[in-house]
Amino acid sequence: MIASVIFVLLLAAGIYFFSRSIRKVIRNIRLGKPMPPVSHKKARWMQMVKVALGQSKMVTRPVAGIMHIFIYVGFIIINIEVLEIIVDGIFGTHRVFAPLGLFYDFLIGSFEMLAALVLVACIVFLVRRNVLKLKRFHQREMTSWPRSDANIILITEIILMSLFLTMNAADFLLQGREVEHYNRAGSFPVSSLLAGMFNGFSDSQLIFTERFCWWFHIIGILAFLNYVPFSKHFHIFISFPNTWYASFDAKGKFSNMEQVTNEVKLMLDPSAPVSQPSAEPQRFGAKDVFDLSQKQLMDAYSCTECGRCTSQCPANMTGKLLSPRKIMMDTRDRLEEVGKNIDANGEFKVDGKSLLNDYITPEELWACTTCNACVEACPVLINPLSIIIDMRRYLVMEESAAPAELNGMFTRLENNGAPWQFSPADRLKWSEQNF
């Protein structure tokens, strides 16, 4: 009874703190501009199933993709076993789903095979990051914390899977010895191979081993659950709504601003009907996270920091400062800073900082070629380019801080109606030449 009470208290605390963290993330995302009404709902569901659930874009790099699928499927399916742990913890039972018979044996056997695959995949990823030191995991934005975060996640997964298999190995032996409470249930294709290490243990030692692993497995899961919202691993949850809300427009399509559209219409035809302006004047482009859309802020939380976007970026390849991954990481960091400001003051107090300049420099923004390689490469349909374009728009339209080459083009567009250095009257003179 005491153990059940302790378990219920731990479970309630874990769920409470996790839900509080999720509410803060949702609040932070809602600081952005509201998303317009969505269309293509059926296609969106299909896209979410294909990309977020089916991991279709991960396998474009087969080794990393297959390893990631092992971890992903293992994480999802093995956690079904947590349901049984929760019921057993509350009521003091042992393998409460055992009456499912052969199906239960199949489930436990599948969980064990997946746990072994997760162990292998996590070890491979640790080697790739820390021994082989792949370039995309060690670029300038991958400071000590992002690298540590990735290692913490992988090591935690290894520990959880090891505890799970060790618990099952001790349980397997206790069942074989027909120890009270440990009724026969389950199939143990992997942990039965480990059981030989515990053959010399007494019944009490085996019970201690099984209980120790059981408790630390569930405590580890609850601790990891509350770590996830503060890490890049949060993408396992938010990538689903992020892929659902991903744009169906052509890549690179610019969003029009109502005020600008009205001005252009009136310039072309002073009698043209224009839409009524919004009640509040909008800032041109984006300077801080408040100027971005909720989808863009969701993108920031969805970033896995895998670096596929940056590894495909031609500007980054040529040594320029731009890294699409850094754009997303900086946006998330600034949003988290704003969230902490709200937590401390009850509302946002101006802190003299902004996403532009304090996190992302104009040099990074103007290095972008708008080729959409980063958008195409992202496995969860994140769009770094949309943030870059909105921040460029602010620099041009609010601060008149475009590069000299663009200012010359803007002047020619204004004076000549075209980007070329001659008047409209001379535009057809080339046709008078004899060829």
Protein backbone atom coordinates (compact mmCIF):
# COMPACT_ATOMS: atom_id res chain seq x y z
CA MET A 1 0.00 0.00 0.00
CA ILE A 2 2.82 2.42 0.86
CA ALA A 3 4.53 1.66 -2.45
CA SER A 4 1.27 2.31 -4.32
CA VAL A 5 0.78 5.65 -2.57
CA ILE A 6 4.36 6.71 -3.37
CA PHE A 7 3.87 5.65 -6.98
CA VAL A 8 0.61 7.61 -7.34
CA LEU A 9 2.24 10.73 -5.86
CA LEU A 10 5.20 10.47 -8.24
CA LEU A 11 2.90 9.90 -11.20
CA ALA A 12 0.67 12.85 -10.28
CA ALA A 13 3.68 15.14 -9.80
CA GLY A 14 5.20 14.08 -13.13
CA ILE A 15 1.96 14.68 -15.03
CA TYR A 16 1.35 18.02 -13.28
CA PHE A 17 4.78 19.49 -14.04
CA PHE A 18 4.68 18.20 -17.63
CA SER A 19 1.26 19.74 -18.27
CA ARG A 20 2.46 23.04 -16.78
CA SER A 21 5.43 23.08 -19.16
CA ILE A 22 3.16 22.30 -22.13
CA ARG A 23 0.82 25.16 -21.19
CA LYS A 24 3.79 27.55 -21.21
CA VAL A 25 4.87 26.36 -24.65
CA ILE A 26 1.33 26.85 -25.98
CA ARG A 27 1.21 30.33 -24.43
CA ASN A 28 4.54 31.21 -26.04
CA ILE A 29 3.38 30.04 -29.47
CA ARG A 30 0.21 32.12 -29.11
CA LEU A 31 2.35 35.24 -28.75
CA GLY A 32 2.68 35.13 -32.52
CA LYS A 33 0.22 36.40 -35.08
CA PRO A 34 -2.84 34.15 -35.47
CA MET A 35 -2.79 31.66 -38.31
CA PRO A 36 -5.32 32.19 -41.09
CA PRO A 37 -8.14 29.65 -41.53
CA VAL A 38 -6.77 26.42 -42.94
CA SER A 39 -7.96 24.59 -46.04
CA HIS A 40 -7.16 21.17 -47.55
CA LYS A 41 -7.92 19.49 -44.23
CA LYS A 42 -7.99 15.98 -45.64
CA ALA A 43 -4.66 16.53 -47.37
CA ARG A 44 -3.24 17.91 -44.14
CA TRP A 45 -4.16 14.75 -42.25
CA MET A 46 -2.51 12.69 -44.97
CA GLN A 47 0.58 14.88 -44.83
CA MET A 48 0.82 14.52 -41.05
CA VAL A 49 0.48 10.73 -41.24
CA LYS A 50 3.08 10.50 -44.01
CA VAL A 51 5.70 12.92 -42.67
CA ALA A 52 5.30 12.97 -38.87
CA LEU A 53 4.07 9.43 -38.27
CA GLY A 54 5.54 7.69 -41.31
CA GLN A 55 8.92 9.51 -41.16
CA SER A 56 8.92 9.69 -44.97
CA LYS A 57 11.49 12.50 -45.20
CA MET A 58 13.93 10.89 -42.75
CA VAL A 59 14.93 8.06 -45.06
CA THR A 60 16.38 10.39 -47.68
CA ARG A 61 19.56 9.72 -45.68
CA PRO A 62 19.17 5.95 -45.22
CA VAL A 63 21.55 5.21 -42.32
CA ALA A 64 20.39 8.06 -40.10
CA GLY A 65 16.80 7.56 -41.27
CA ILE A 66 16.61 3.86 -40.40
CA MET A 67 18.32 4.38 -37.04
CA HIS A 68 15.93 7.21 -36.25
CA ILE A 69 12.94 5.04 -37.15
CA PHE A 70 14.19 2.38 -34.70
CA ILE A 71 14.30 4.97 -31.92
CA TYR A 72 11.02 6.58 -32.94
CA VAL A 73 9.04 3.34 -33.23
CA GLY A 74 10.65 2.02 -30.07
CA PHE A 75 9.78 5.18 -28.18
CA ILE A 76 6.16 5.06 -29.30
CA ILE A 77 5.47 1.33 -28.98
CA ILE A 78 7.54 0.49 -25.91
CA ASN A 79 5.69 3.21 -24.04
CA ILE A 80 2.53 1.11 -24.42
CA GLU A 81 4.23 -1.03 -21.78
CA VAL A 82 4.19 2.01 -19.49
CA LEU A 83 0.40 1.65 -19.29
CA GLU A 84 0.86 -1.72 -17.65
CA ILE A 85 3.51 -0.32 -15.30
CA ILE A 86 1.09 2.44 -14.26
CA VAL A 87 -1.72 -0.03 -13.52
CA ASP A 88 0.64 -2.37 -11.67
CA GLY A 89 2.06 0.56 -9.70
CA ILE A 90 -1.36 1.81 -8.62
CA PHE A 91 -2.87 -1.55 -7.68
CA GLY A 92 0.25 -3.51 -6.70
CA THR A 93 -0.35 -6.16 -9.37
CA HIS A 94 2.18 -8.02 -11.53
CA ARG A 95 1.77 -7.88 -15.32
CA VAL A 96 -1.90 -7.08 -15.16
CA PHE A 97 -2.35 -7.54 -18.91
CA ALA A 98 -1.07 -11.15 -18.79
CA PRO A 99 -4.60 -12.59 -19.36
CA LEU A 100 -4.22 -11.46 -22.99
CA GLY A 101 -2.29 -14.70 -23.40
CA LEU A 102 -0.42 -15.22 -26.67
CA PHE A 103 -1.05 -11.64 -27.73
CA TYR A 104 0.61 -10.46 -24.51
CA ASP A 105 3.59 -12.73 -25.24
CA PHE A 106 3.81 -11.17 -28.70
CA LEU A 107 3.69 -7.65 -27.25
CA ILE A 108 6.42 -8.21 -24.66
CA GLY A 109 8.59 -9.99 -27.23
CA SER A 110 8.13 -7.09 -29.68
CA PHE A 111 8.95 -4.56 -26.96
CA GLU A 112 12.18 -6.39 -26.20
CA MET A 113 13.27 -6.56 -29.84
CA LEU A 114 12.55 -2.86 -30.24
CA ALA A 115 14.42 -2.06 -27.03
CA ALA A 116 17.48 -3.85 -28.43
CA LEU A 117 17.21 -1.91 -31.70
CA VAL A 118 16.86 1.37 -29.79
CA LEU A 119 20.02 0.53 -27.82
CA VAL A 120 21.95 -0.13 -31.04
CA ALA A 121 20.65 3.04 -32.74
CA CYS A 122 21.46 5.26 -29.75
CA ILE A 123 25.00 3.87 -29.55
CA VAL A 124 25.46 4.48 -33.30
CA PHE A 125 24.24 8.08 -32.92
CA LEU A 126 26.56 8.67 -29.94
CA VAL A 127 29.50 7.42 -32.01
CA ARG A 128 28.53 9.62 -34.97
CA ARG A 129 28.33 12.70 -32.74
CA ASN A 130 31.27 12.17 -30.38
CA VAL A 131 33.74 9.88 -32.15
CA LEU A 132 33.24 10.45 -35.88
CA LYS A 133 32.23 14.07 -35.12
CA LEU A 134 30.17 14.70 -38.23
CA LYS A 135 30.59 18.31 -39.37
CA ARG A 136 26.93 19.27 -39.12
CA PHE A 137 26.89 18.42 -35.41
CA HIS A 138 29.84 20.69 -34.63
CA GLN A 139 29.12 23.96 -36.40
CA ARG A 140 29.26 27.26 -34.59
CA GLU A 141 25.64 27.27 -33.39
CA MET A 142 26.13 23.82 -31.85
CA THR A 143 27.56 25.15 -28.61
CA SER A 144 28.07 23.10 -25.46
CA TRP A 145 24.38 23.00 -24.53
CA PRO A 146 22.96 21.73 -27.86
CA ARG A 147 25.65 19.05 -27.98
CA SER A 148 25.05 18.10 -24.34
CA ASP A 149 21.28 18.04 -24.90
CA ALA A 150 21.64 15.51 -27.71
CA ASN A 151 23.96 13.32 -25.61
CA ILE A 152 21.65 13.50 -22.58
CA ILE A 153 18.74 12.29 -24.71
CA LEU A 154 20.70 9.39 -26.21
CA ILE A 155 22.23 8.31 -22.89
CA THR A 156 18.84 8.51 -21.16
CA GLU A 157 17.31 6.29 -23.85
CA ILE A 158 20.13 3.78 -23.37
CA ILE A 159 19.62 3.75 -19.60
CA LEU A 160 15.83 3.35 -19.90
CA MET A 161 16.12 0.47 -22.36
CA SER A 162 18.81 -1.20 -20.22
CA LEU A 163 16.62 -0.94 -17.14
CA PHE A 164 13.68 -2.37 -19.07
CA LEU A 165 15.64 -5.40 -20.28
CA THR A 166 17.32 -6.00 -16.92
CA MET A 167 13.94 -5.83 -15.17
CA ASN A 168 12.57 -8.40 -17.59
CA ALA A 169 15.62 -10.66 -17.15
CA ALA A 170 15.13 -10.75 -13.36
CA ASP A 171 11.37 -11.22 -13.84
CA PHE A 172 12.04 -14.12 -16.23
CA LEU A 173 14.14 -15.95 -13.62
CA LEU A 174 11.66 -15.24 -10.81
CA GLN A 175 8.87 -16.65 -12.94
CA GLY A 176 10.93 -19.75 -13.63
CA ARG A 177 11.53 -20.25 -9.92
CA GLU A 178 7.79 -19.81 -9.28
CA VAL A 179 8.40 -17.11 -6.69
CA GLU A 180 5.19 -15.77 -5.17
CA HIS A 181 3.64 -12.78 -7.02
CA TYR A 182 5.69 -13.44 -10.19
CA ASN A 183 3.16 -15.42 -12.20
CA ARG A 184 4.24 -16.72 -15.62
CA ALA A 185 3.53 -14.16 -18.32
CA GLY A 186 5.28 -12.76 -21.37
CA SER A 187 7.89 -13.78 -23.88
CA PHE A 188 11.48 -12.62 -23.33
CA PRO A 189 13.60 -13.20 -26.48
CA VAL A 190 16.26 -10.64 -25.52
CA SER A 191 16.25 -10.46 -21.71
CA SER A 192 16.30 -14.26 -21.42
CA LEU A 193 19.77 -14.08 -23.01
CA LEU A 194 20.84 -11.69 -20.24
CA ALA A 195 19.33 -13.80 -17.47
CA GLY A 196 22.45 -15.96 -17.24
CA MET A 197 24.23 -13.08 -15.50
CA PHE A 198 21.80 -13.41 -12.58
CA ASN A 199 21.68 -17.19 -12.20
CA GLY A 200 23.76 -17.02 -9.02
CA PHE A 201 21.40 -14.51 -7.38
CA SER A 202 19.13 -15.59 -4.56
CA ASP A 203 15.39 -14.99 -4.80
CA SER A 204 15.64 -11.90 -2.59
CA GLN A 205 18.49 -10.51 -4.68
CA LEU A 206 16.50 -11.07 -7.86
CA ILE A 207 13.44 -9.40 -6.36
CA PHE A 208 15.59 -6.41 -5.35
CA THR A 209 17.06 -6.22 -8.89
CA GLU A 210 13.63 -6.43 -10.52
CA ARG A 211 12.09 -3.84 -8.18
CA PHE A 212 15.07 -1.50 -8.45
CA CYS A 213 14.89 -1.55 -12.26
CA TRP A 214 11.09 -1.24 -12.21
CA TRP A 215 11.15 1.86 -10.00
CA PHE A 216 14.01 3.58 -11.77
CA HIS A 217 12.52 2.76 -15.17
CA ILE A 218 9.27 4.54 -14.35
CA ILE A 219 11.00 7.37 -12.44
CA GLY A 220 13.33 7.80 -15.42
CA ILE A 221 10.37 7.96 -17.81
CA LEU A 222 8.64 10.63 -15.68
CA ALA A 223 11.87 12.62 -15.35
CA PHE A 224 12.53 12.36 -19.10
CA LEU A 225 8.94 13.37 -19.83
CA ASN A 226 9.53 16.62 -17.92
CA TYR A 227 12.90 17.17 -19.55
CA VAL A 228 11.49 16.89 -23.08
CA PRO A 229 9.74 20.34 -23.21
CA PHE A 230 13.10 21.98 -22.47
CA SER A 231 15.03 20.05 -25.09
CA LYS A 232 15.13 19.54 -28.84
CA HIS A 233 13.41 16.21 -28.22
CA PHE A 234 10.14 18.12 -27.88
CA HIS A 235 9.75 17.58 -31.62
CA ILE A 236 8.36 14.10 -30.87
CA PHE A 237 5.16 15.85 -29.78
CA ILE A 238 4.98 19.10 -31.71
CA SER A 239 6.04 17.76 -35.11
CA PHE A 240 2.51 16.37 -35.52
CA PRO A 241 0.65 19.71 -35.39
CA ASN A 242 3.57 21.36 -37.18
CA THR A 243 3.28 19.09 -40.22
CA TRP A 244 -0.52 19.47 -40.15
CA TYR A 245 -0.28 23.28 -40.32
CA ALA A 246 2.54 23.31 -42.90
CA SER A 247 1.83 25.53 -45.88
CA PHE A 248 0.42 24.05 -49.07
CA ASP A 249 1.56 27.08 -51.08
CA ALA A 250 4.40 26.83 -53.57
CA LYS A 251 7.79 26.99 -51.86
CA GLY A 252 9.10 30.52 -51.73
CA LYS A 253 5.72 32.19 -52.27
CA PHE A 254 5.69 35.56 -50.52
CA SER A 255 2.83 36.57 -48.27
CA ASN A 256 1.31 39.91 -49.24
CA MET A 257 0.75 42.67 -46.69
CA GLU A 258 -2.63 44.37 -46.85
CA GLN A 259 -1.28 47.91 -46.55
CA VAL A 260 1.30 47.40 -49.28
CA THR A 261 -1.19 45.70 -51.60
CA ASN A 262 -3.59 48.64 -51.24
CA GLU A 263 -0.85 51.16 -52.00
CA VAL A 264 0.23 49.29 -55.13
CA LYS A 265 -3.38 49.04 -56.36
CA LEU A 266 -3.88 52.78 -55.90
CA MET A 267 -0.61 53.56 -57.68
CA LEU A 268 -1.68 51.50 -60.68
CA ASP A 269 -5.27 52.71 -60.65
CA PRO A 270 -6.34 55.53 -58.29
CA SER A 271 -9.97 54.47 -58.70
CA ALA A 272 -9.34 50.81 -57.84
CA PRO A 273 -11.37 49.42 -54.92
CA VAL A 274 -9.19 48.51 -51.94
CA SER A 275 -9.91 46.56 -48.76
CA GLN A 276 -10.40 48.40 -45.50
CA PRO A 277 -7.21 48.62 -43.41
CA SER A 278 -6.96 46.66 -40.19
CA ALA A 279 -7.87 48.40 -36.94
CA GLU A 280 -4.22 48.29 -35.78
CA PRO A 281 -1.41 49.23 -38.16
CA GLN A 282 0.89 46.27 -38.68
CA ARG A 283 4.63 46.40 -38.48
CA PHE A 284 6.24 45.79 -41.84
CA GLY A 285 8.07 42.49 -41.50
CA ALA A 286 9.41 41.04 -38.26
CA LYS A 287 11.81 42.44 -35.70
CA ASP A 288 10.95 40.23 -32.74
CA VAL A 289 9.06 37.01 -32.06
CA PHE A 290 5.80 38.93 -31.57
CA ASP A 291 5.91 39.85 -35.28
CA LEU A 292 6.16 36.24 -36.44
CA SER A 293 3.20 33.96 -37.01
CA GLN A 294 2.17 31.18 -34.65
CA LYS A 295 3.24 28.67 -37.32
CA GLN A 296 6.72 30.18 -37.45
CA LEU A 297 6.99 29.94 -33.66
CA MET A 298 5.74 26.36 -33.83
CA ASP A 299 8.49 25.72 -36.39
CA ALA A 300 11.05 26.93 -33.86
CA TYR A 301 9.84 24.47 -31.22
CA SER A 302 9.72 21.66 -33.82
CA CYS A 303 13.38 21.99 -34.81
CA THR A 304 15.33 18.79 -34.10
CA GLU A 305 18.69 20.55 -34.63
CA CYS A 306 19.59 17.76 -37.05
CA GLY A 307 21.35 20.24 -39.34
CA ARG A 308 20.03 18.84 -42.61
CA CYS A 309 18.90 22.34 -43.59
CA THR A 310 22.30 23.87 -42.93
CA SER A 311 24.17 21.05 -44.68
CA GLN A 312 22.13 21.79 -47.84
CA CYS A 313 22.43 25.60 -47.63
CA PRO A 314 24.64 26.95 -50.47
CA ALA A 315 25.40 30.12 -48.52
CA ASN A 316 26.65 28.11 -45.56
CA MET A 317 28.69 25.85 -47.87
CA THR A 318 30.60 28.88 -49.13
CA GLY A 319 31.54 30.00 -45.61
CA LYS A 320 28.91 32.68 -45.05
CA LEU A 321 27.42 33.18 -41.59
CA LEU A 322 23.95 31.97 -42.51
CA SER A 323 22.81 28.71 -40.94
CA PRO A 324 19.08 27.94 -41.27
CA ARG A 325 19.34 25.73 -38.17
CA LYS A 326 20.71 28.68 -36.19
CA ILE A 327 17.78 30.82 -37.38
CA MET A 328 15.37 28.32 -35.83
CA MET A 329 17.43 27.83 -32.66
CA ASP A 330 17.76 31.60 -32.15
CA THR A 331 14.01 32.07 -32.64
CA ARG A 332 13.28 29.40 -30.03
CA ASP A 333 15.85 30.86 -27.61
CA ARG A 334 14.38 34.33 -27.92
CA LEU A 335 10.85 32.97 -27.49
CA GLU A 336 11.92 31.12 -24.35
CA GLU A 337 13.51 34.33 -23.04
CA VAL A 338 10.26 36.21 -23.66
CA GLY A 339 8.32 33.44 -21.90
CA LYS A 340 10.55 33.67 -18.81
CA ASN A 341 10.06 37.46 -18.84
CA ILE A 342 6.28 36.91 -18.75
CA ASP A 343 6.60 34.31 -15.97
CA ALA A 344 8.63 36.73 -13.86
CA ASN A 345 6.49 39.85 -14.44
CA GLY A 346 2.99 38.56 -15.18
CA GLU A 347 3.24 40.23 -18.59
CA PHE A 348 6.00 41.06 -21.01
CA LYS A 349 8.21 43.92 -19.82
CA VAL A 350 10.32 45.54 -22.51
CA ASP A 351 13.84 44.19 -22.06
CA GLY A 352 15.63 46.18 -24.73
CA LYS A 353 16.28 43.07 -26.79
CA SER A 354 14.87 41.71 -30.03
CA LEU A 355 15.31 38.70 -32.27
CA LEU A 356 16.92 40.94 -34.89
CA ASN A 357 20.43 42.08 -33.99
CA ASP A 358 20.53 40.50 -30.52
CA TYR A 359 20.14 36.98 -31.90
CA ILE A 360 20.14 37.11 -35.70
CA THR A 361 22.33 39.60 -37.56
CA PRO A 362 21.52 41.34 -40.86
CA GLU A 363 24.63 39.72 -42.34
CA GLU A 364 23.07 36.29 -41.80
CA LEU A 365 19.77 37.37 -43.34
CA TRP A 366 21.25 38.91 -46.48
CA ALA A 367 23.45 35.84 -47.09
CA CYS A 368 20.32 33.82 -47.94
CA THR A 369 19.79 33.08 -51.64
CA THR A 370 16.10 32.15 -51.08
CA CYS A 371 16.73 28.86 -52.89
CA ASN A 372 14.48 26.86 -50.51
CA ALA A 373 17.07 24.09 -50.07
CA CYS A 374 16.59 24.31 -46.28
CA VAL A 375 12.81 24.01 -46.61
CA GLU A 376 13.10 21.00 -48.88
CA ALA A 377 15.62 19.26 -46.60
CA CYS A 378 13.71 19.59 -43.32
CA PRO A 379 12.24 16.24 -42.18
CA VAL A 380 9.35 17.93 -40.31
CA LEU A 381 8.41 20.67 -42.83
CA ILE A 382 9.97 23.62 -41.02
CA ASN A 383 10.36 26.81 -43.08
CA PRO A 384 13.39 28.89 -41.99
CA LEU A 385 13.11 30.96 -45.18
CA SER A 386 9.78 32.50 -44.10
CA ILE A 387 11.44 33.96 -40.98
CA ILE A 388 14.40 35.22 -42.99
CA ILE A 389 12.13 36.94 -45.52
CA ASP A 390 9.99 38.59 -42.83
CA MET A 391 13.07 39.93 -41.06
CA ARG A 392 14.49 41.20 -44.35
CA ARG A 393 11.16 42.91 -44.99
CA TYR A 394 11.52 44.74 -41.67
CA LEU A 395 15.06 45.85 -42.51
CA VAL A 396 13.96 47.22 -45.89
CA MET A 397 10.58 48.74 -45.08
CA GLU A 398 11.04 49.90 -41.48
CA GLU A 399 14.75 50.74 -41.27
CA SER A 400 15.66 51.32 -44.95
CA ALA A 401 18.64 49.12 -44.25
CA ALA A 402 18.88 47.19 -47.50
CA PRO A 403 22.32 46.55 -49.06
CA ALA A 404 23.52 49.17 -51.53
CA GLU A 405 22.92 46.84 -54.49
CA LEU A 406 19.25 46.53 -53.58
CA ASN A 407 18.82 50.24 -52.88
CA GLY A 408 19.99 50.98 -56.41
CA MET A 409 17.45 48.53 -57.81
CA PHE A 410 14.67 49.99 -55.65
CA THR A 411 15.50 53.48 -56.96
CA ARG A 412 15.36 52.31 -60.56
CA LEU A 413 12.05 50.53 -59.95
CA GLU A 414 10.62 53.72 -58.50
CA ASN A 415 11.90 55.98 -61.28
CA ASN A 416 11.83 53.70 -64.31
CA GLY A 417 9.27 51.06 -63.39
CA ALA A 418 11.93 48.39 -64.02
CA PRO A 419 15.24 47.34 -62.41
CA TRP A 420 17.30 48.53 -65.42
CA GLN A 421 19.24 51.78 -65.72
CA PHE A 422 17.22 53.37 -68.55
CA SER A 423 13.86 55.04 -68.90
CA PRO A 424 10.67 53.27 -70.06
CA ALA A 425 10.81 55.29 -73.30
CA ASP A 426 14.08 53.58 -74.24
CA ARG A 427 12.95 50.09 -73.34
CA LEU A 428 12.35 48.87 -76.91
CA LYS A 429 15.43 50.44 -78.53
CA TRP A 430 17.13 47.07 -78.62
CA SER A 431 14.57 45.96 -81.24
CA GLU A 432 15.82 48.65 -83.65
CA GLN A 433 19.21 47.01 -83.92
CA ASN A 434 20.07 45.05 -87.03
CA PHE A 435 20.93 41.44 -86.25
